[in-house]
Amino acid sequence: MGEFNFYDIYIPTLLIQALLAYVIFKLLSPLINRLILQGWIIFPNIFNLCFYLMLLLGVHQIFIGLGI
């Protein structure tokens, strides 16, 4: 893990990855909410947490693949 230097302010890479995963999560949440309302997802809170963690893992893998 590293950090980015933005005008002498060090920003952790994980913070940027978490924010990017959160934006993706918020963009996909209307689709997830439709599945929740239809009854396809039993425990929505646990599903949302796991879904966010999977998005964070995916964003982290992309950052590793790009060498950032």
Protein backbone atom coordinates (compact mmCIF):
# COMPACT_ATOMS: atom_id res chain seq x y z
CA MET A 1 0.00 0.00 0.00
CA GLY A 2 1.13 3.49 -0.64
CA GLU A 3 -0.10 6.99 -0.71
CA PHE A 4 -0.58 9.81 -3.14
CA ASN A 5 0.99 13.20 -2.59
CA PHE A 6 -1.54 15.91 -3.39
CA TYR A 7 -0.03 19.34 -2.69
CA ASP A 8 1.98 17.96 0.24
CA ILE A 9 -1.05 16.17 1.68
CA TYR A 10 -0.59 12.41 1.78
CA ILE A 11 -3.75 10.50 0.88
CA PRO A 12 -3.74 6.74 1.52
CA THR A 13 -4.42 4.57 -1.51
CA LEU A 14 -6.98 2.54 0.42
CA LEU A 15 -9.01 5.71 1.06
CA ILE A 16 -9.18 6.44 -2.66
CA GLN A 17 -10.13 2.83 -3.37
CA ALA A 18 -12.85 2.90 -0.70
CA LEU A 19 -14.32 6.12 -2.08
CA LEU A 20 -14.31 4.74 -5.62
CA ALA A 21 -15.98 1.52 -4.45
CA TYR A 22 -18.59 3.58 -2.59
CA VAL A 23 -19.41 5.60 -5.72
CA ILE A 24 -19.81 2.38 -7.72
CA PHE A 25 -21.96 0.96 -4.90
CA LYS A 26 -24.25 3.99 -4.95
CA LEU A 27 -24.57 3.77 -8.75
CA LEU A 28 -25.57 0.10 -8.56
CA SER A 29 -27.81 0.37 -5.50
CA PRO A 30 -31.07 1.02 -7.46
CA LEU A 31 -30.61 -2.34 -9.18
CA ILE A 32 -29.94 -4.03 -5.85
CA ASN A 33 -32.96 -2.32 -4.26
CA ARG A 34 -35.19 -3.71 -6.99
CA LEU A 35 -33.97 -7.22 -6.20
CA ILE A 36 -34.60 -6.61 -2.50
CA LEU A 37 -38.17 -5.47 -3.15
CA GLN A 38 -38.84 -8.52 -5.31
CA GLY A 39 -37.70 -10.80 -2.49
CA TRP A 40 -34.60 -12.23 -4.15
CA ILE A 41 -32.35 -11.07 -1.30
CA ILE A 42 -33.22 -12.29 2.19
CA PHE A 43 -30.93 -10.20 4.43
CA PRO A 44 -30.40 -6.86 2.64
CA ASN A 45 -28.05 -5.34 5.22
CA ILE A 46 -25.64 -8.26 5.15
CA PHE A 47 -25.89 -8.43 1.36
CA ASN A 48 -25.09 -4.72 1.01
CA LEU A 49 -22.05 -5.06 3.26
CA CYS A 50 -20.75 -8.07 1.33
CA PHE A 51 -21.49 -6.39 -1.99
CA TYR A 52 -19.51 -3.30 -0.95
CA LEU A 53 -16.60 -5.44 0.23
CA MET A 54 -16.59 -7.30 -3.10
CA LEU A 55 -16.55 -3.97 -4.95
CA LEU A 56 -13.67 -2.81 -2.76
CA LEU A 57 -11.79 -6.02 -3.53
CA GLY A 58 -12.40 -5.51 -7.25
CA VAL A 59 -11.22 -1.90 -7.16
CA HIS A 60 -8.15 -2.97 -5.19
CA GLN A 61 -7.34 -5.65 -7.78
CA ILE A 62 -7.66 -3.07 -10.56
CA PHE A 63 -5.24 -0.78 -8.73
CA ILE A 64 -2.79 -3.68 -8.31
CA GLY A 65 -3.12 -4.60 -11.98
CA LEU A 66 -2.42 -1.03 -13.06
CA GLY A 67 0.55 -0.81 -10.73
CA ILE A 68 -0.74 2.18 -8.80
